[in-house]
C-alpha atoms as a PDB file:
ATOM      1  CA  MET A   1    -104.685  44.934  37.970  1.00  0.00           C
ATOM      2  CA  GLU A   2    -108.000  45.175  37.602  1.00  0.00           C
ATOM      3  CA  ASP A   3    -108.311  48.528  39.240  1.00  0.00           C
ATOM      4  CA  LEU A   4    -106.186  50.473  35.618  1.00  0.00           C
ATOM      5  CA  ALA A   5    -108.957  51.395  33.551  1.00  0.00           C
ATOM      6  CA  GLU A   6    -106.591  50.208  30.665  1.00  0.00           C
ATOM      7  CA  TYR A   7    -106.265  46.913  31.668  1.00  0.00           C
ATOM      8  CA  HIS A   8    -108.399  44.763  29.287  1.00  0.00           C
ATOM      9  CA  GLY A   9    -107.722  41.549  30.714  1.00  0.00           C
ATOM     10  CA  ARG A  10    -107.769  38.051  28.477  1.00  0.00           C
ATOM     11  CA  ILE A  11    -107.631  39.912  24.966  1.00  0.00           C
ATOM     12  CA  SER A  12    -105.442  38.679  22.431  1.00  0.00           C
ATOM     13  CA  ARG A  13    -102.326  40.523  20.642  1.00  0.00           C
ATOM     14  CA  ARG A  14    -104.832  41.129  17.549  1.00  0.00           C
ATOM     15  CA  GLN A  15    -107.552  42.383  19.186  1.00  0.00           C
ATOM     16  CA  ALA A  16    -104.925  44.930  20.720  1.00  0.00           C
ATOM     17  CA  GLU A  17    -103.562  45.688  17.969  1.00  0.00           C
ATOM     18  CA  GLU A  18    -107.369  46.261  16.360  1.00  0.00           C
ATOM     19  CA  ILE A  19    -108.157  48.508  19.801  1.00  0.00           C
ATOM     20  CA  LEU A  20    -105.065  50.602  19.741  1.00  0.00           C
ATOM     21  CA  ASN A  21    -105.021  51.063  15.379  1.00  0.00           C
ATOM     22  CA  GLU A  22    -108.847  52.240  16.265  1.00  0.00           C
ATOM     23  CA  ALA A  23    -107.551  54.827  18.646  1.00  0.00           C
ATOM     24  CA  GLY A  24    -104.839  55.926  15.836  1.00  0.00           C
ATOM     25  CA  ARG A  25    -102.865  58.089  18.336  1.00  0.00           C
ATOM     26  CA  ASP A  26     -98.645  57.157  18.423  1.00  0.00           C
ATOM     27  CA  GLY A  27     -98.594  56.602  22.668  1.00  0.00           C
ATOM     28  CA  SER A  28    -102.147  55.310  22.822  1.00  0.00           C
ATOM     29  CA  TYR A  29    -101.391  52.139  25.178  1.00  0.00           C
ATOM     30  CA  LEU A  30    -103.393  49.361  26.908  1.00  0.00           C
ATOM     31  CA  ILE A  31    -102.147  46.488  29.136  1.00  0.00           C
ATOM     32  CA  ARG A  32    -103.065  42.657  28.800  1.00  0.00           C
ATOM     33  CA  ASP A  33    -103.000  39.184  30.189  1.00  0.00           C
ATOM     34  CA  SER A  34     -99.623  37.935  28.516  1.00  0.00           C
ATOM     35  CA  ALA A  35    -100.926  34.699  26.256  1.00  0.00           C
ATOM     36  CA  SER A  36     -97.618  32.513  26.295  1.00  0.00           C
ATOM     37  CA  ALA A  37     -96.249  33.638  30.134  1.00  0.00           C
ATOM     38  CA  ALA A  38     -98.818  32.854  33.314  1.00  0.00           C
ATOM     39  CA  GLY A  39     -99.322  35.427  36.007  1.00  0.00           C
ATOM     40  CA  SER A  40     -97.148  38.037  33.025  1.00  0.00           C
ATOM     41  CA  TYR A  41     -98.945  40.965  31.580  1.00  0.00           C
ATOM     42  CA  CYS A  42     -98.621  42.964  28.166  1.00  0.00           C
ATOM     43  CA  VAL A  43     -98.180  46.949  27.725  1.00  0.00           C
ATOM     44  CA  CYS A  44     -98.899  47.329  24.168  1.00  0.00           C
ATOM     45  CA  VAL A  45     -98.162  50.969  22.336  1.00  0.00           C
ATOM     46  CA  LEU A  46     -98.985  52.392  19.279  1.00  0.00           C
ATOM     47  CA  CYS A  47     -96.652  53.894  17.158  1.00  0.00           C
ATOM     48  CA  ASP A  48     -96.288  55.102  13.517  1.00  0.00           C
ATOM     49  CA  GLY A  49     -98.775  52.806  12.882  1.00  0.00           C
ATOM     50  CA  TRP A  50     -97.409  49.625  14.232  1.00  0.00           C
ATOM     51  CA  VAL A  51     -97.756  48.024  17.525  1.00  0.00           C
ATOM     52  CA  TYR A  52     -95.181  47.551  20.403  1.00  0.00           C
ATOM     53  CA  THR A  53     -95.662  44.724  22.912  1.00  0.00           C
ATOM     54  CA  TYR A  54     -93.628  45.019  26.073  1.00  0.00           C
ATOM     55  CA  ARG A  55     -93.465  41.823  28.785  1.00  0.00           C
ATOM     56  CA  VAL A  56     -94.569  42.969  32.065  1.00  0.00           C
ATOM     57  CA  PHE A  57     -93.868  40.708  35.285  1.00  0.00           C
ATOM     58  CA  LYS A  58     -92.908  40.620  38.770  1.00  0.00           C
ATOM     59  CA  GLN A  59     -89.855  39.494  39.870  1.00  0.00           C
ATOM     60  CA  LYS A  60     -89.125  36.843  42.841  1.00  0.00           C
ATOM     61  CA  ASP A  61     -88.855  39.758  44.977  1.00  0.00           C
ATOM     62  CA  ALA A  62     -92.270  40.791  44.400  1.00  0.00           C
ATOM     63  CA  LEU A  63     -91.034  43.834  42.470  1.00  0.00           C
ATOM     64  CA  TRP A  64     -92.456  44.387  38.658  1.00  0.00           C
ATOM     65  CA  THR A  65     -90.476  45.118  35.796  1.00  0.00           C
ATOM     66  CA  ILE A  66     -90.928  45.577  32.050  1.00  0.00           C
ATOM     67  CA  ALA A  67     -88.699  44.087  29.432  1.00  0.00           C
ATOM     68  CA  VAL A  68     -86.951  47.123  28.007  1.00  0.00           C
ATOM     69  CA  ALA A  69     -84.800  47.651  24.945  1.00  0.00           C
ATOM     70  CA  PRO A  70     -81.189  45.308  25.269  1.00  0.00           C
ATOM     71  CA  GLY A  71     -78.980  47.944  27.084  1.00  0.00           C
ATOM     72  CA  MET A  72     -81.372  49.577  28.687  1.00  0.00           C
ATOM     73  CA  LYS A  73     -81.069  49.183  32.618  1.00  0.00           C
ATOM     74  CA  GLU A  74     -83.647  46.863  34.028  1.00  0.00           C
ATOM     75  CA  ARG A  75     -86.176  48.977  36.319  1.00  0.00           C
ATOM     76  CA  LEU A  76     -88.009  47.840  39.401  1.00  0.00           C
ATOM     77  CA  PHE A  77     -91.344  48.975  40.486  1.00  0.00           C
ATOM     78  CA  ARG A  78     -93.544  48.426  43.500  1.00  0.00           C
ATOM     79  CA  ASN A  79     -96.687  48.308  41.158  1.00  0.00           C
ATOM     80  CA  VAL A  80     -97.381  48.338  37.857  1.00  0.00           C
ATOM     81  CA  GLY A  81     -99.202  51.840  37.949  1.00  0.00           C
ATOM     82  CA  ASN A  82     -95.876  53.284  38.989  1.00  0.00           C
ATOM     83  CA  LEU A  83     -94.428  51.212  36.241  1.00  0.00           C
ATOM     84  CA  ILE A  84     -96.686  52.913  33.638  1.00  0.00           C
ATOM     85  CA  ALA A  85     -95.957  56.573  35.525  1.00  0.00           C
ATOM     86  CA  ALA A  86     -92.181  56.172  34.603  1.00  0.00           C
ATOM     87  CA  PHE A  87     -92.680  55.237  30.733  1.00  0.00           C
ATOM     88  CA  LYS A  88     -94.892  58.166  29.869  1.00  0.00           C
ATOM     89  CA  PHE A  89     -91.365  59.961  29.495  1.00  0.00           C
ATOM     90  CA  PRO A  90     -88.953  59.921  26.355  1.00  0.00           C
ATOM     91  CA  ASP A  91     -86.066  57.519  26.258  1.00  0.00           C
ATOM     92  CA  GLN A  92     -87.189  54.872  28.825  1.00  0.00           C
ATOM     93  CA  GLY A  93     -86.201  51.723  26.629  1.00  0.00           C
ATOM     94  CA  ILE A  94     -89.473  51.737  24.769  1.00  0.00           C
ATOM     95  CA  SER A  95     -90.587  52.769  21.050  1.00  0.00           C
ATOM     96  CA  VAL A  96     -92.770  56.067  22.520  1.00  0.00           C
ATOM     97  CA  PRO A  97     -93.801  57.030  25.720  1.00  0.00           C
ATOM     98  CA  LEU A  98     -96.881  55.653  26.980  1.00  0.00           C
ATOM     99  CA  LEU A  99     -99.267  58.978  26.779  1.00  0.00           C
ATOM    100  CA  TYR A 100    -103.005  57.990  25.962  1.00  0.00           C
ATOM    101  CA  PRO A 101    -104.608  55.073  28.104  1.00  0.00           C
ATOM    102  CA  VAL A 102    -107.159  53.219  26.234  1.00  0.00           C
ATOM    103  CA  ASN A 103    -109.498  52.511  28.868  1.00  0.00           C
ATOM    104  CA  ARG A 104    -111.496  49.053  28.572  1.00  0.00           C
ATOM    105  CA  THR A 105    -115.474  49.700  28.182  1.00  0.00           C
ATOM    106  CA  ASN A 106    -118.407  47.114  28.455  1.00  0.00           C
ATOM    107  CA  LYS A 107    -118.873  47.330  24.528  1.00  0.00           C
ATOM    108  CA  ARG A 108    -120.423  44.222  23.250  1.00  0.00           C
ATOM    109  CA  ALA A 109    -120.519  43.364  19.796  1.00  0.00           C
ATOM    110  CA  GLY A 110    -123.861  43.529  17.377  1.00  0.00           C
ATOM    111  CA  ASN A 111    -126.676  45.428  18.550  1.00  0.00           C
ATOM    112  CA  MET A 112    -125.614  45.296  22.313  1.00  0.00           C
ATOM    113  CA  LEU A 113    -124.004  48.622  23.155  1.00  0.00           C
ATOM    114  CA  MET A 114    -122.143  49.849  26.151  1.00  0.00           C
ATOM    115  CA  PHE A 115    -123.392  50.495  29.668  1.00  0.00           C
ATOM    116  CA  HIS A 116    -123.300  53.332  30.538  1.00  0.00           C
ATOM    117  CA  VAL A 117    -123.936  54.897  34.449  1.00  0.00           C
ATOM    118  CA  ASP A 118    -125.172  58.615  34.381  1.00  0.00           C
ATOM    119  CA  ILE A 119    -124.247  60.478  37.538  1.00  0.00           C
ATOM    120  CA  ASN A 120    -127.764  62.256  37.146  1.00  0.00           C
ATOM    121  CA  MET A 121    -129.311  59.081  37.312  1.00  0.00           C
ATOM    122  CA  LYS A 122    -129.743  56.138  40.764  1.00  0.00           C
ATOM    123  CA  ARG A 123    -128.731  53.184  38.966  1.00  0.00           C
ATOM    124  CA  PRO A 124    -126.742  52.095  35.442  1.00  0.00           C
ATOM    125  CA  GLY A 125    -128.752  52.536  32.338  1.00  0.00           C
ATOM    126  CA  ILE A 126    -128.240  50.706  29.015  1.00  0.00           C
ATOM    127  CA  ARG A 127    -127.020  53.809  25.950  1.00  0.00           C
ATOM    128  CA  PHE A 128    -128.219  52.642  22.767  1.00  0.00           C
ATOM    129  CA  LYS A 129    -126.793  53.907  19.530  1.00  0.00           C
ATOM    130  CA  ASN A 130    -129.224  56.452  18.976  1.00  0.00           C
ATOM    131  CA  ASP A 131    -128.059  57.469  22.711  1.00  0.00           C
ATOM    132  CA  SER A 132    -131.591  57.237  24.152  1.00  0.00           C
ATOM    133  CA  PHE A 133    -131.565  55.332  27.585  1.00  0.00           C
ATOM    134  CA  GLN A 134    -133.736  51.866  28.302  1.00  0.00           C
END
């Protein structure tokens, strides 16, 4: 899961909502750990100002599935990346297609800023708010 840039790890539902509302585009989505079901994940997606959350979990046979709208056939996937790819299309049993991944960053609150790797540099630098490197 960690290899997916849209995976945010152990953030709360509220944090996910804030991140997606800041993104502001229908179809923006992220993946987070489920707070209520160990070993499961949540796909959170923005649609018409609301954030919808869908539980993603691994079946006994090591295949992944997602809880979708009632009446929709359960689909199984070898990995979460394949699951996400399948839900980029309309009419899959979720509120809106997963169109815009909201990738995690290494940002920290306050005066600390994000770590940034410049491809022209040999090592990472710290980018400050005024875009200067230290």
